[in-house]
Amino acid sequence: MSRVLSTEQAKSAIAQVQSIVNGGFTDQISALDAQGKILSDPNIWDGPLASQFRGSTWPETKAALDKAKQELEELRTQLDKISQDIFSAGGGA
């Protein structure tokens, strides 16, 4: 038989992670994306370093932000399912 444990500390940690993700972290990633798009417009910002930003810095950063946002959303979904399963198995609410 496998062990099922659901402490108050676990419940609190899950709630904190969900609060961070739900509380705007993914919104902040979207806000960064919006500003990156603005800075990628050569009619707004141009020059050698701006060109470097447009060509490599921002595309690489945007890809990392998109991946982080996707993984955070997956984490939130997994935490919901895992916590429901554990709390149900352990008789908790």
Protein backbone atom coordinates (compact mmCIF):
# COMPACT_ATOMS: atom_id res chain seq x y z
CA MET A 1 0.00 0.00 0.00
CA SER A 2 1.38 3.40 -0.92
CA ARG A 3 1.48 6.23 1.55
CA VAL A 4 -0.98 9.10 1.26
CA LEU A 5 -0.16 12.18 3.29
CA SER A 6 -1.76 15.58 3.21
CA THR A 7 -0.45 17.96 5.84
CA GLU A 8 -1.56 21.50 6.46
CA GLN A 9 1.90 22.58 5.29
CA ALA A 10 1.31 20.83 1.94
CA LYS A 11 -2.11 22.45 1.60
CA SER A 12 -0.60 25.84 2.37
CA ALA A 13 2.28 25.40 -0.10
CA ILE A 14 -0.11 24.33 -2.86
CA ALA A 15 -2.33 27.32 -2.15
CA GLN A 16 0.67 29.65 -2.26
CA VAL A 17 1.89 28.30 -5.61
CA GLN A 18 -1.60 28.59 -7.05
CA SER A 19 -1.94 32.10 -5.67
CA ILE A 20 1.33 33.19 -7.26
CA VAL A 21 0.38 31.73 -10.63
CA ASN A 22 -3.23 32.92 -10.49
CA GLY A 23 -2.33 36.22 -8.86
CA GLY A 24 -0.71 37.75 -11.87
CA PHE A 25 2.57 36.02 -12.62
CA THR A 26 1.27 34.87 -16.02
CA ASP A 27 -0.23 38.34 -16.50
CA GLN A 28 3.20 39.85 -15.90
CA ILE A 29 4.65 37.54 -18.55
CA SER A 30 1.99 38.80 -20.98
CA ALA A 31 2.83 42.40 -20.05
CA LEU A 32 6.52 41.74 -20.75
CA ASP A 33 5.55 40.31 -24.12
CA ALA A 34 3.59 43.45 -24.98
CA GLN A 35 6.55 45.69 -24.13
CA GLY A 36 8.93 43.44 -26.07
CA LYS A 37 6.72 43.79 -29.14
CA ILE A 38 6.85 47.57 -28.82
CA LEU A 39 10.63 47.56 -28.52
CA SER A 40 10.87 45.23 -31.53
CA ASP A 41 9.36 47.89 -33.81
CA PRO A 42 12.19 49.75 -35.60
CA ASN A 43 9.86 52.75 -35.96
CA ILE A 44 9.85 53.05 -32.18
CA TRP A 45 13.37 51.95 -31.26
CA ASP A 46 16.29 51.52 -33.63
CA GLY A 47 20.04 51.37 -33.75
CA PRO A 48 22.65 48.62 -33.57
CA LEU A 49 21.68 47.42 -30.10
CA ALA A 50 17.97 47.74 -30.85
CA SER A 51 18.54 45.66 -33.97
CA GLN A 52 20.34 43.03 -31.88
CA PHE A 53 17.42 43.08 -29.44
CA ARG A 54 14.94 42.54 -32.31
CA GLY A 55 17.01 39.88 -34.02
CA SER A 56 18.10 37.66 -31.17
CA THR A 57 17.61 38.94 -27.63
CA TRP A 58 13.85 39.37 -27.75
CA PRO A 59 12.98 36.27 -29.81
CA GLU A 60 14.99 34.08 -27.41
CA THR A 61 13.50 35.79 -24.36
CA LYS A 62 9.96 35.59 -25.75
CA ALA A 63 10.36 31.86 -26.42
CA ALA A 64 11.53 31.34 -22.82
CA LEU A 65 8.63 33.43 -21.47
CA ASP A 66 6.10 31.53 -23.57
CA LYS A 67 7.49 28.22 -22.33
CA ALA A 68 7.46 29.42 -18.71
CA LYS A 69 3.85 30.57 -19.04
CA GLN A 70 2.80 27.23 -20.52
CA GLU A 71 4.62 25.30 -17.80
CA LEU A 72 3.07 27.45 -15.06
CA GLU A 73 -0.38 26.76 -16.45
CA GLU A 74 0.41 23.03 -16.56
CA LEU A 75 1.72 23.20 -12.98
CA ARG A 76 -1.48 24.86 -11.82
CA THR A 77 -3.56 22.14 -13.50
CA GLN A 78 -1.41 19.37 -12.05
CA LEU A 79 -1.54 20.86 -8.55
CA ASP A 80 -5.32 21.05 -8.74
CA LYS A 81 -5.62 17.40 -9.74
CA ILE A 82 -2.95 16.10 -7.36
CA SER A 83 -4.28 18.02 -4.37
CA GLN A 84 -7.85 16.88 -5.04
CA ASP A 85 -6.72 13.26 -5.38
CA ILE A 86 -4.56 13.35 -2.25
CA PHE A 87 -7.08 15.21 -0.13
CA SER A 88 -9.85 12.84 -1.23
CA ALA A 89 -7.74 9.75 -0.56
CA GLY A 90 -6.65 11.10 2.80
CA GLY A 91 -10.20 11.99 3.79
CA GLY A 92 -9.41 15.70 3.84
CA ALA A 93 -11.54 18.47 2.46
